[in-house]
């Protein structure tokens, strides 16, 4: 009887702490993965240079620039004018990025998910590398030759002006990369609303907003941007000329053990860089 009385008192303590110890708990059987951020698709790069194309530490390419000379009328027996092309040399040097994850043997042996927790951490780490690529791209897009300053909301006039900046230099505006606030302004414009009604919605959840004026609009996550101000920006580009990606080492993971601390780890590394090719193939639109 005394034992029963003790349990009753424990359950009815004022703060409930003692009683909670007598209640069995159920821990969910699966780890919940974090949400995927909307990133800039690699297909928008004008050029991707992989490890096999980078022989040393840098990739060098020659951009051909012709001198300003037009076709001229030539008299009989007259000398044909010569056009001498000039060559502009550019280079890009991939930078190494990395992080490592470590877990104790006790956590592997005693934890509810054991090695599954470790594998999940590796997947999360891989996402950080993908997000870093989007950040590198945005930093290079900020080298745009022309900027259109909008007001509180982006307008059709802002888009048309940015589009014309590219066309004035004979580029073809192909894509617009949009921050979240910028994208939300767009979908409230009648032009975009009508296009959305008539178009396909099957890829909207991947960041694709629609196709207007022959330009494909994509949104990226502000949480994958260098700063939150990028949420207000939009970049109209010619994907054939705007920027390139050079990857000397694709994302690699190397497992290791540290016996002196009785733990296992994995090191993830990547060597990558992004660089704009033609600043006038990019037009930046800002809002307040």
C-alpha atoms as a PDB file:
ATOM      1  CA  UNK A   1       0.000   0.000   0.000  1.00  0.00           C
ATOM      2  CA  UNK A   2       2.844   2.353   0.834  1.00  0.00           C
ATOM      3  CA  UNK A   3       4.435   1.744  -2.547  1.00  0.00           C
ATOM      4  CA  UNK A   4       1.194   2.606  -4.356  1.00  0.00           C
ATOM      5  CA  UNK A   5       0.880   5.837  -2.366  1.00  0.00           C
ATOM      6  CA  UNK A   6       4.399   6.871  -3.390  1.00  0.00           C
ATOM      7  CA  UNK A   7       3.609   6.470  -7.100  1.00  0.00           C
ATOM      8  CA  UNK A   8       0.447   8.501  -6.785  1.00  0.00           C
ATOM      9  CA  UNK A   9       2.319  11.342  -5.131  1.00  0.00           C
ATOM     10  CA  UNK A  10       5.036  11.285  -7.776  1.00  0.00           C
ATOM     11  CA  UNK A  11       2.514  11.574 -10.565  1.00  0.00           C
ATOM     12  CA  UNK A  12       0.746  14.469  -8.911  1.00  0.00           C
ATOM     13  CA  UNK A  13       3.775  16.678  -8.140  1.00  0.00           C
ATOM     14  CA  UNK A  14       3.223  20.360  -8.768  1.00  0.00           C
ATOM     15  CA  UNK A  15       5.579  20.752 -11.726  1.00  0.00           C
ATOM     16  CA  UNK A  16       4.815  17.312 -13.174  1.00  0.00           C
ATOM     17  CA  UNK A  17       8.512  16.479 -13.489  1.00  0.00           C
ATOM     18  CA  UNK A  18       8.439  13.305 -11.437  1.00  0.00           C
ATOM     19  CA  UNK A  19       5.280  12.122 -13.104  1.00  0.00           C
ATOM     20  CA  UNK A  20       6.725  12.609 -16.557  1.00  0.00           C
ATOM     21  CA  UNK A  21       9.451  10.105 -15.764  1.00  0.00           C
ATOM     22  CA  UNK A  22       6.803   7.383 -15.480  1.00  0.00           C
ATOM     23  CA  UNK A  23       5.346   8.041 -18.939  1.00  0.00           C
ATOM     24  CA  UNK A  24       6.940   6.144 -21.790  1.00  0.00           C
ATOM     25  CA  UNK A  25       7.858   8.222 -24.835  1.00  0.00           C
ATOM     26  CA  UNK A  26       7.736   7.355 -28.509  1.00  0.00           C
ATOM     27  CA  UNK A  27      10.457   8.797 -30.732  1.00  0.00           C
ATOM     28  CA  UNK A  28       9.555   9.023 -34.400  1.00  0.00           C
ATOM     29  CA  UNK A  29      11.223   6.251 -36.373  1.00  0.00           C
ATOM     30  CA  UNK A  30      12.449   8.456 -39.207  1.00  0.00           C
ATOM     31  CA  UNK A  31      14.699  11.490 -39.274  1.00  0.00           C
ATOM     32  CA  UNK A  32      13.015  14.472 -40.910  1.00  0.00           C
ATOM     33  CA  UNK A  33      15.087  15.878 -43.762  1.00  0.00           C
ATOM     34  CA  UNK A  34      15.524  19.638 -44.042  1.00  0.00           C
ATOM     35  CA  UNK A  35      13.747  21.510 -46.822  1.00  0.00           C
ATOM     36  CA  UNK A  36      15.528  21.966 -50.148  1.00  0.00           C
ATOM     37  CA  UNK A  37      16.249  25.555 -51.152  1.00  0.00           C
ATOM     38  CA  UNK A  38      15.488  26.830 -54.657  1.00  0.00           C
ATOM     39  CA  UNK A  39      18.870  27.140 -56.335  1.00  0.00           C
ATOM     40  CA  UNK A  40      20.051  28.544 -59.652  1.00  0.00           C
ATOM     41  CA  UNK A  41      20.079  25.672 -62.182  1.00  0.00           C
ATOM     42  CA  UNK A  42      23.492  24.942 -63.662  1.00  0.00           C
ATOM     43  CA  UNK A  43      21.994  24.949 -67.152  1.00  0.00           C
ATOM     44  CA  UNK A  44      21.956  28.769 -67.059  1.00  0.00           C
ATOM     45  CA  UNK A  45      25.769  28.928 -67.198  1.00  0.00           C
ATOM     46  CA  UNK A  46      27.143  29.811 -70.603  1.00  0.00           C
ATOM     47  CA  UNK A  47      29.951  27.325 -70.132  1.00  0.00           C
ATOM     48  CA  UNK A  48      30.752  24.545 -67.677  1.00  0.00           C
ATOM     49  CA  UNK A  49      34.393  23.534 -67.504  1.00  0.00           C
ATOM     50  CA  UNK A  50      35.017  20.209 -65.799  1.00  0.00           C
ATOM     51  CA  UNK A  51      38.133  18.681 -64.204  1.00  0.00           C
ATOM     52  CA  UNK A  52      39.364  17.095 -67.444  1.00  0.00           C
ATOM     53  CA  UNK A  53      39.432  20.509 -69.152  1.00  0.00           C
ATOM     54  CA  UNK A  54      41.490  22.229 -66.459  1.00  0.00           C
ATOM     55  CA  UNK A  55      45.041  20.969 -66.816  1.00  0.00           C
ATOM     56  CA  UNK A  56      46.657  23.167 -64.157  1.00  0.00           C
ATOM     57  CA  UNK A  57      45.238  25.236 -61.330  1.00  0.00           C
ATOM     58  CA  UNK A  58      43.477  27.673 -63.688  1.00  0.00           C
ATOM     59  CA  UNK A  59      41.425  27.599 -66.861  1.00  0.00           C
ATOM     60  CA  UNK A  60      42.414  30.123 -69.526  1.00  0.00           C
ATOM     61  CA  UNK A  61      40.355  30.995 -72.555  1.00  0.00           C
ATOM     62  CA  UNK A  62      40.742  33.472 -75.395  1.00  0.00           C
ATOM     63  CA  UNK A  63      37.804  35.698 -76.202  1.00  0.00           C
ATOM     64  CA  UNK A  64      37.949  36.867 -79.789  1.00  0.00           C
ATOM     65  CA  UNK A  65      37.283  40.581 -80.262  1.00  0.00           C
ATOM     66  CA  UNK A  66      37.303  41.950 -83.807  1.00  0.00           C
ATOM     67  CA  UNK A  67      38.509  45.452 -84.481  1.00  0.00           C
ATOM     68  CA  UNK A  68      35.868  47.934 -85.577  1.00  0.00           C
ATOM     69  CA  UNK A  69      36.082  47.619 -89.337  1.00  0.00           C
ATOM     70  CA  UNK A  70      33.292  47.254 -91.844  1.00  0.00           C
ATOM     71  CA  UNK A  71      33.198  45.864 -95.350  1.00  0.00           C
ATOM     72  CA  UNK A  72      34.526  48.421 -97.831  1.00  0.00           C
ATOM     73  CA  UNK A  73      34.183  48.901-101.535  1.00  0.00           C
ATOM     74  CA  UNK A  74      37.358  47.891-103.379  1.00  0.00           C
ATOM     75  CA  UNK A  75      38.404  49.449-106.682  1.00  0.00           C
ATOM     76  CA  UNK A  76      39.759  47.330-109.495  1.00  0.00           C
ATOM     77  CA  UNK A  77      43.343  46.376-108.660  1.00  0.00           C
ATOM     78  CA  UNK A  78      42.912  48.094-105.295  1.00  0.00           C
ATOM     79  CA  UNK A  79      44.202  46.584-102.103  1.00  0.00           C
ATOM     80  CA  UNK A  80      41.666  44.539-100.161  1.00  0.00           C
ATOM     81  CA  UNK A  81      41.478  45.940 -96.604  1.00  0.00           C
ATOM     82  CA  UNK A  82      42.672  43.628 -93.849  1.00  0.00           C
ATOM     83  CA  UNK A  83      40.785  42.812 -90.721  1.00  0.00           C
ATOM     84  CA  UNK A  84      43.003  41.947 -87.791  1.00  0.00           C
ATOM     85  CA  UNK A  85      41.168  40.226 -84.966  1.00  0.00           C
ATOM     86  CA  UNK A  86      42.289  40.958 -81.433  1.00  0.00           C
ATOM     87  CA  UNK A  87      42.318  38.299 -78.728  1.00  0.00           C
ATOM     88  CA  UNK A  88      41.332  38.907 -75.147  1.00  0.00           C
ATOM     89  CA  UNK A  89      42.723  36.399 -72.644  1.00  0.00           C
ATOM     90  CA  UNK A  90      40.732  35.524 -69.532  1.00  0.00           C
ATOM     91  CA  UNK A  91      41.305  33.067 -66.710  1.00  0.00           C
ATOM     92  CA  UNK A  92      39.451  31.533 -63.794  1.00  0.00           C
ATOM     93  CA  UNK A  93      40.986  29.723 -60.833  1.00  0.00           C
ATOM     94  CA  UNK A  94      38.840  27.247 -58.883  1.00  0.00           C
ATOM     95  CA  UNK A  95      38.909  27.660 -55.095  1.00  0.00           C
ATOM     96  CA  UNK A  96      38.759  24.767 -52.636  1.00  0.00           C
ATOM     97  CA  UNK A  97      35.769  24.615 -50.303  1.00  0.00           C
ATOM     98  CA  UNK A  98      35.332  22.000 -47.627  1.00  0.00           C
ATOM     99  CA  UNK A  99      33.881  20.827 -44.347  1.00  0.00           C
ATOM    100  CA  UNK A 100      34.039  17.703 -42.260  1.00  0.00           C
ATOM    101  CA  UNK A 101      31.637  15.714 -40.113  1.00  0.00           C
ATOM    102  CA  UNK A 102      32.609  13.571 -37.148  1.00  0.00           C
ATOM    103  CA  UNK A 103      30.618  11.205 -34.960  1.00  0.00           C
ATOM    104  CA  UNK A 104      31.644   9.135 -31.942  1.00  0.00           C
ATOM    105  CA  UNK A 105      31.497   5.374 -31.893  1.00  0.00           C
ATOM    106  CA  UNK A 106      29.169   5.645 -28.898  1.00  0.00           C
ATOM    107  CA  UNK A 107      26.675   7.625 -30.948  1.00  0.00           C
ATOM    108  CA  UNK A 108      26.821   5.006 -33.692  1.00  0.00           C
ATOM    109  CA  UNK A 109      26.422   2.148 -31.228  1.00  0.00           C
ATOM    110  CA  UNK A 110      23.904   3.654 -28.805  1.00  0.00           C
ATOM    111  CA  UNK A 111      21.946   6.222 -30.793  1.00  0.00           C
ATOM    112  CA  UNK A 112      18.457   5.400 -32.029  1.00  0.00           C
ATOM    113  CA  UNK A 113      19.444   5.903 -35.660  1.00  0.00           C
ATOM    114  CA  UNK A 114      23.086   4.919 -35.363  1.00  0.00           C
ATOM    115  CA  UNK A 115      24.900   5.367 -38.653  1.00  0.00           C
ATOM    116  CA  UNK A 116      21.733   6.729 -40.261  1.00  0.00           C
ATOM    117  CA  UNK A 117      22.275   9.976 -38.353  1.00  0.00           C
ATOM    118  CA  UNK A 118      25.770  10.213 -39.792  1.00  0.00           C
ATOM    119  CA  UNK A 119      24.555   9.561 -43.348  1.00  0.00           C
ATOM    120  CA  UNK A 120      21.913  12.245 -42.957  1.00  0.00           C
ATOM    121  CA  UNK A 121      24.551  14.764 -41.863  1.00  0.00           C
ATOM    122  CA  UNK A 122      26.562  13.987 -44.996  1.00  0.00           C
ATOM    123  CA  UNK A 123      23.516  14.648 -47.191  1.00  0.00           C
ATOM    124  CA  UNK A 124      22.949  17.958 -45.455  1.00  0.00           C
ATOM    125  CA  UNK A 125      26.584  18.893 -45.975  1.00  0.00           C
ATOM    126  CA  UNK A 126      26.276  18.185 -49.706  1.00  0.00           C
ATOM    127  CA  UNK A 127      23.374  20.647 -49.862  1.00  0.00           C
ATOM    128  CA  UNK A 128      25.619  23.339 -48.402  1.00  0.00           C
ATOM    129  CA  UNK A 129      27.960  22.955 -51.374  1.00  0.00           C
ATOM    130  CA  UNK A 130      25.080  23.328 -53.852  1.00  0.00           C
ATOM    131  CA  UNK A 131      23.899  26.439 -52.032  1.00  0.00           C
ATOM    132  CA  UNK A 132      27.428  27.833 -52.123  1.00  0.00           C
ATOM    133  CA  UNK A 133      27.389  27.565 -55.931  1.00  0.00           C
ATOM    134  CA  UNK A 134      24.246  29.706 -56.111  1.00  0.00           C
ATOM    135  CA  UNK A 135      25.917  32.286 -53.879  1.00  0.00           C
ATOM    136  CA  UNK A 136      28.987  32.365 -56.142  1.00  0.00           C
ATOM    137  CA  UNK A 137      26.790  32.876 -59.212  1.00  0.00           C
ATOM    138  CA  UNK A 138      24.903  35.785 -57.646  1.00  0.00           C
ATOM    139  CA  UNK A 139      28.140  37.502 -56.656  1.00  0.00           C
ATOM    140  CA  UNK A 140      29.266  37.394 -60.293  1.00  0.00           C
ATOM    141  CA  UNK A 141      25.920  38.587 -61.653  1.00  0.00           C
ATOM    142  CA  UNK A 142      26.434  41.715 -59.564  1.00  0.00           C
ATOM    143  CA  UNK A 143      29.117  42.691 -62.099  1.00  0.00           C
ATOM    144  CA  UNK A 144      26.336  43.652 -64.528  1.00  0.00           C
ATOM    145  CA  UNK A 145      27.235  46.593 -66.749  1.00  0.00           C
ATOM    146  CA  UNK A 146      23.760  48.101 -66.455  1.00  0.00           C
ATOM    147  CA  UNK A 147      21.369  48.511 -63.541  1.00  0.00           C
ATOM    148  CA  UNK A 148      17.699  49.439 -63.683  1.00  0.00           C
ATOM    149  CA  UNK A 149      16.503  51.062 -60.457  1.00  0.00           C
ATOM    150  CA  UNK A 150      12.881  50.215 -59.764  1.00  0.00           C
ATOM    151  CA  UNK A 151      10.581  51.492 -57.062  1.00  0.00           C
ATOM    152  CA  UNK A 152       8.759  49.610 -54.346  1.00  0.00           C
ATOM    153  CA  UNK A 153       7.622  47.024 -56.913  1.00  0.00           C
ATOM    154  CA  UNK A 154       9.134  45.845 -60.163  1.00  0.00           C
ATOM    155  CA  UNK A 155       7.238  46.955 -63.267  1.00  0.00           C
ATOM    156  CA  UNK A 156       6.959  45.861 -66.871  1.00  0.00           C
ATOM    157  CA  UNK A 157       8.834  49.048 -67.799  1.00  0.00           C
ATOM    158  CA  UNK A 158      11.774  47.923 -65.601  1.00  0.00           C
ATOM    159  CA  UNK A 159      11.884  44.553 -67.358  1.00  0.00           C
ATOM    160  CA  UNK A 160      11.673  46.088 -70.824  1.00  0.00           C
ATOM    161  CA  UNK A 161      14.480  48.547 -70.068  1.00  0.00           C
ATOM    162  CA  UNK A 162      16.765  45.810 -68.735  1.00  0.00           C
ATOM    163  CA  UNK A 163      15.921  43.669 -71.756  1.00  0.00           C
ATOM    164  CA  UNK A 164      16.864  46.516 -74.067  1.00  0.00           C
ATOM    165  CA  UNK A 165      20.248  46.987 -72.412  1.00  0.00           C
ATOM    166  CA  UNK A 166      21.185  43.514 -73.637  1.00  0.00           C
ATOM    167  CA  UNK A 167      19.623  43.973 -77.065  1.00  0.00           C
ATOM    168  CA  UNK A 168      21.518  47.249 -77.566  1.00  0.00           C
ATOM    169  CA  UNK A 169      24.707  45.160 -77.452  1.00  0.00           C
ATOM    170  CA  UNK A 170      23.263  42.432 -79.715  1.00  0.00           C
ATOM    171  CA  UNK A 171      22.763  39.925 -76.899  1.00  0.00           C
ATOM    172  CA  UNK A 172      19.632  37.817 -76.666  1.00  0.00           C
ATOM    173  CA  UNK A 173      17.815  38.104 -73.315  1.00  0.00           C
ATOM    174  CA  UNK A 174      17.047  34.486 -72.435  1.00  0.00           C
ATOM    175  CA  UNK A 175      16.516  34.234 -68.683  1.00  0.00           C
ATOM    176  CA  UNK A 176      15.725  36.265 -65.581  1.00  0.00           C
ATOM    177  CA  UNK A 177      17.024  35.116 -62.199  1.00  0.00           C
ATOM    178  CA  UNK A 178      14.753  36.497 -59.472  1.00  0.00           C
ATOM    179  CA  UNK A 179      14.911  36.955 -55.721  1.00  0.00           C
ATOM    180  CA  UNK A 180      11.818  36.025 -53.695  1.00  0.00           C
ATOM    181  CA  UNK A 181      10.432  39.554 -53.216  1.00  0.00           C
ATOM    182  CA  UNK A 182      11.206  40.377 -56.834  1.00  0.00           C
ATOM    183  CA  UNK A 183       9.418  37.212 -57.983  1.00  0.00           C
ATOM    184  CA  UNK A 184       6.372  37.975 -55.850  1.00  0.00           C
ATOM    185  CA  UNK A 185       6.125  41.409 -57.476  1.00  0.00           C
ATOM    186  CA  UNK A 186       6.134  39.748 -60.879  1.00  0.00           C
ATOM    187  CA  UNK A 187       3.275  37.365 -60.208  1.00  0.00           C
ATOM    188  CA  UNK A 188       1.058  40.304 -59.273  1.00  0.00           C
ATOM    189  CA  UNK A 189       1.527  41.924 -62.682  1.00  0.00           C
ATOM    190  CA  UNK A 190      -1.355  41.253 -65.083  1.00  0.00           C
ATOM    191  CA  UNK A 191       1.007  40.181 -67.859  1.00  0.00           C
ATOM    192  CA  UNK A 192       2.391  37.343 -65.728  1.00  0.00           C
ATOM    193  CA  UNK A 193      -1.017  36.398 -64.399  1.00  0.00           C
ATOM    194  CA  UNK A 194      -2.391  35.907 -67.902  1.00  0.00           C
ATOM    195  CA  UNK A 195       0.624  33.901 -69.022  1.00  0.00           C
ATOM    196  CA  UNK A 196       0.344  31.688 -65.951  1.00  0.00           C
ATOM    197  CA  UNK A 197      -3.292  30.970 -66.746  1.00  0.00           C
ATOM    198  CA  UNK A 198      -2.422  29.741 -70.218  1.00  0.00           C
ATOM    199  CA  UNK A 199       0.846  27.998 -69.436  1.00  0.00           C
ATOM    200  CA  UNK A 200       2.013  24.828 -67.746  1.00  0.00           C
ATOM    201  CA  UNK A 201       2.363  24.730 -63.957  1.00  0.00           C
ATOM    202  CA  UNK A 202       4.202  21.427 -63.774  1.00  0.00           C
ATOM    203  CA  UNK A 203       7.594  22.882 -62.911  1.00  0.00           C
ATOM    204  CA  UNK A 204       6.591  25.882 -60.793  1.00  0.00           C
ATOM    205  CA  UNK A 205       7.649  24.121 -57.600  1.00  0.00           C
ATOM    206  CA  UNK A 206      11.218  23.926 -58.935  1.00  0.00           C
ATOM    207  CA  UNK A 207      11.557  27.698 -59.090  1.00  0.00           C
ATOM    208  CA  UNK A 208      10.359  28.225 -62.663  1.00  0.00           C
ATOM    209  CA  UNK A 209       7.898  31.136 -62.818  1.00  0.00           C
ATOM    210  CA  UNK A 210       6.984  31.310 -66.467  1.00  0.00           C
ATOM    211  CA  UNK A 211       8.014  32.495 -69.911  1.00  0.00           C
ATOM    212  CA  UNK A 212       7.254  36.112 -70.842  1.00  0.00           C
ATOM    213  CA  UNK A 213       8.690  38.170 -73.732  1.00  0.00           C
ATOM    214  CA  UNK A 214      10.702  35.066 -74.678  1.00  0.00           C
ATOM    215  CA  UNK A 215      12.461  35.218 -71.299  1.00  0.00           C
ATOM    216  CA  UNK A 216      12.282  32.354 -68.805  1.00  0.00           C
ATOM    217  CA  UNK A 217      11.924  33.505 -65.189  1.00  0.00           C
ATOM    218  CA  UNK A 218      13.441  31.592 -62.257  1.00  0.00           C
ATOM    219  CA  UNK A 219      13.385  32.363 -58.564  1.00  0.00           C
ATOM    220  CA  UNK A 220      16.104  31.502 -56.080  1.00  0.00           C
ATOM    221  CA  UNK A 221      15.993  31.171 -52.316  1.00  0.00           C
ATOM    222  CA  UNK A 222      17.162  34.206 -50.383  1.00  0.00           C
ATOM    223  CA  UNK A 223      18.577  31.752 -47.838  1.00  0.00           C
ATOM    224  CA  UNK A 224      21.069  30.630 -50.484  1.00  0.00           C
ATOM    225  CA  UNK A 225      22.077  34.207 -51.384  1.00  0.00           C
ATOM    226  CA  UNK A 226      25.058  36.223 -50.101  1.00  0.00           C
ATOM    227  CA  UNK A 227      22.629  38.499 -48.210  1.00  0.00           C
ATOM    228  CA  UNK A 228      18.904  39.062 -47.777  1.00  0.00           C
ATOM    229  CA  UNK A 229      18.998  42.141 -50.039  1.00  0.00           C
ATOM    230  CA  UNK A 230      19.253  39.814 -53.028  1.00  0.00           C
ATOM    231  CA  UNK A 231      15.590  39.037 -52.424  1.00  0.00           C
ATOM    232  CA  UNK A 232      14.809  42.374 -54.109  1.00  0.00           C
ATOM    233  CA  UNK A 233      17.010  41.800 -57.181  1.00  0.00           C
ATOM    234  CA  UNK A 234      16.403  40.377 -60.625  1.00  0.00           C
ATOM    235  CA  UNK A 235      19.023  39.657 -63.297  1.00  0.00           C
ATOM    236  CA  UNK A 236      18.212  39.417 -66.985  1.00  0.00           C
ATOM    237  CA  UNK A 237      20.947  37.511 -68.798  1.00  0.00           C
ATOM    238  CA  UNK A 238      21.957  36.032 -72.109  1.00  0.00           C
ATOM    239  CA  UNK A 239      22.791  32.511 -70.976  1.00  0.00           C
ATOM    240  CA  UNK A 240      25.232  32.065 -73.874  1.00  0.00           C
ATOM    241  CA  UNK A 241      27.466  34.865 -72.579  1.00  0.00           C
ATOM    242  CA  UNK A 242      26.705  35.813 -68.959  1.00  0.00           C
ATOM    243  CA  UNK A 243      28.937  33.596 -66.792  1.00  0.00           C
ATOM    244  CA  UNK A 244      30.824  30.322 -66.628  1.00  0.00           C
ATOM    245  CA  UNK A 245      31.490  27.679 -63.994  1.00  0.00           C
ATOM    246  CA  UNK A 246      34.878  26.000 -63.626  1.00  0.00           C
ATOM    247  CA  UNK A 247      35.050  22.912 -61.435  1.00  0.00           C
ATOM    248  CA  UNK A 248      38.485  21.441 -60.940  1.00  0.00           C
ATOM    249  CA  UNK A 249      37.269  18.918 -58.368  1.00  0.00           C
ATOM    250  CA  UNK A 250      33.680  17.746 -58.229  1.00  0.00           C
ATOM    251  CA  UNK A 251      32.209  17.234 -54.769  1.00  0.00           C
ATOM    252  CA  UNK A 252      34.169  14.426 -53.110  1.00  0.00           C
ATOM    253  CA  UNK A 253      33.890  12.741 -49.746  1.00  0.00           C
ATOM    254  CA  UNK A 254      36.650  10.848 -47.982  1.00  0.00           C
ATOM    255  CA  UNK A 255      35.972   8.726 -44.904  1.00  0.00           C
ATOM    256  CA  UNK A 256      38.488   8.541 -42.088  1.00  0.00           C
ATOM    257  CA  UNK A 257      38.825   7.291 -38.519  1.00  0.00           C
ATOM    258  CA  UNK A 258      40.488   8.995 -35.571  1.00  0.00           C
ATOM    259  CA  UNK A 259      41.474   6.188 -33.250  1.00  0.00           C
ATOM    260  CA  UNK A 260      42.775   8.446 -30.476  1.00  0.00           C
ATOM    261  CA  UNK A 261      39.281   9.895 -30.085  1.00  0.00           C
ATOM    262  CA  UNK A 262      37.348   6.772 -31.099  1.00  0.00           C
ATOM    263  CA  UNK A 263      35.368   8.497 -33.821  1.00  0.00           C
ATOM    264  CA  UNK A 264      34.584   8.269 -37.506  1.00  0.00           C
ATOM    265  CA  UNK A 265      34.492  11.176 -39.888  1.00  0.00           C
ATOM    266  CA  UNK A 266      34.110  12.230 -43.478  1.00  0.00           C
ATOM    267  CA  UNK A 267      35.721  15.192 -45.214  1.00  0.00           C
ATOM    268  CA  UNK A 268      33.883  16.805 -48.117  1.00  0.00           C
ATOM    269  CA  UNK A 269      35.705  19.048 -50.580  1.00  0.00           C
ATOM    270  CA  UNK A 270      35.105  20.763 -53.901  1.00  0.00           C
ATOM    271  CA  UNK A 271      37.215  23.058 -56.085  1.00  0.00           C
ATOM    272  CA  UNK A 272      34.998  25.447 -57.998  1.00  0.00           C
ATOM    273  CA  UNK A 273      34.742  29.034 -59.175  1.00  0.00           C
ATOM    274  CA  UNK A 274      32.233  31.145 -61.072  1.00  0.00           C
ATOM    275  CA  UNK A 275      33.129  34.144 -63.213  1.00  0.00           C
ATOM    276  CA  UNK A 276      31.142  36.491 -65.406  1.00  0.00           C
ATOM    277  CA  UNK A 277      32.130  36.433 -69.067  1.00  0.00           C
ATOM    278  CA  UNK A 278      30.459  39.531 -70.481  1.00  0.00           C
ATOM    279  CA  UNK A 279      29.248  42.163 -68.043  1.00  0.00           C
ATOM    280  CA  UNK A 280      27.035  43.712 -70.725  1.00  0.00           C
ATOM    281  CA  UNK A 281      25.248  40.371 -71.147  1.00  0.00           C
ATOM    282  CA  UNK A 282      23.785  40.946 -67.666  1.00  0.00           C
ATOM    283  CA  UNK A 283      21.296  43.625 -66.592  1.00  0.00           C
ATOM    284  CA  UNK A 284      20.424  44.016 -62.917  1.00  0.00           C
ATOM    285  CA  UNK A 285      17.032  45.245 -61.734  1.00  0.00           C
ATOM    286  CA  UNK A 286      16.696  46.493 -58.152  1.00  0.00           C
ATOM    287  CA  UNK A 287      13.619  47.332 -56.076  1.00  0.00           C
ATOM    288  CA  UNK A 288      13.333  49.102 -52.739  1.00  0.00           C
END
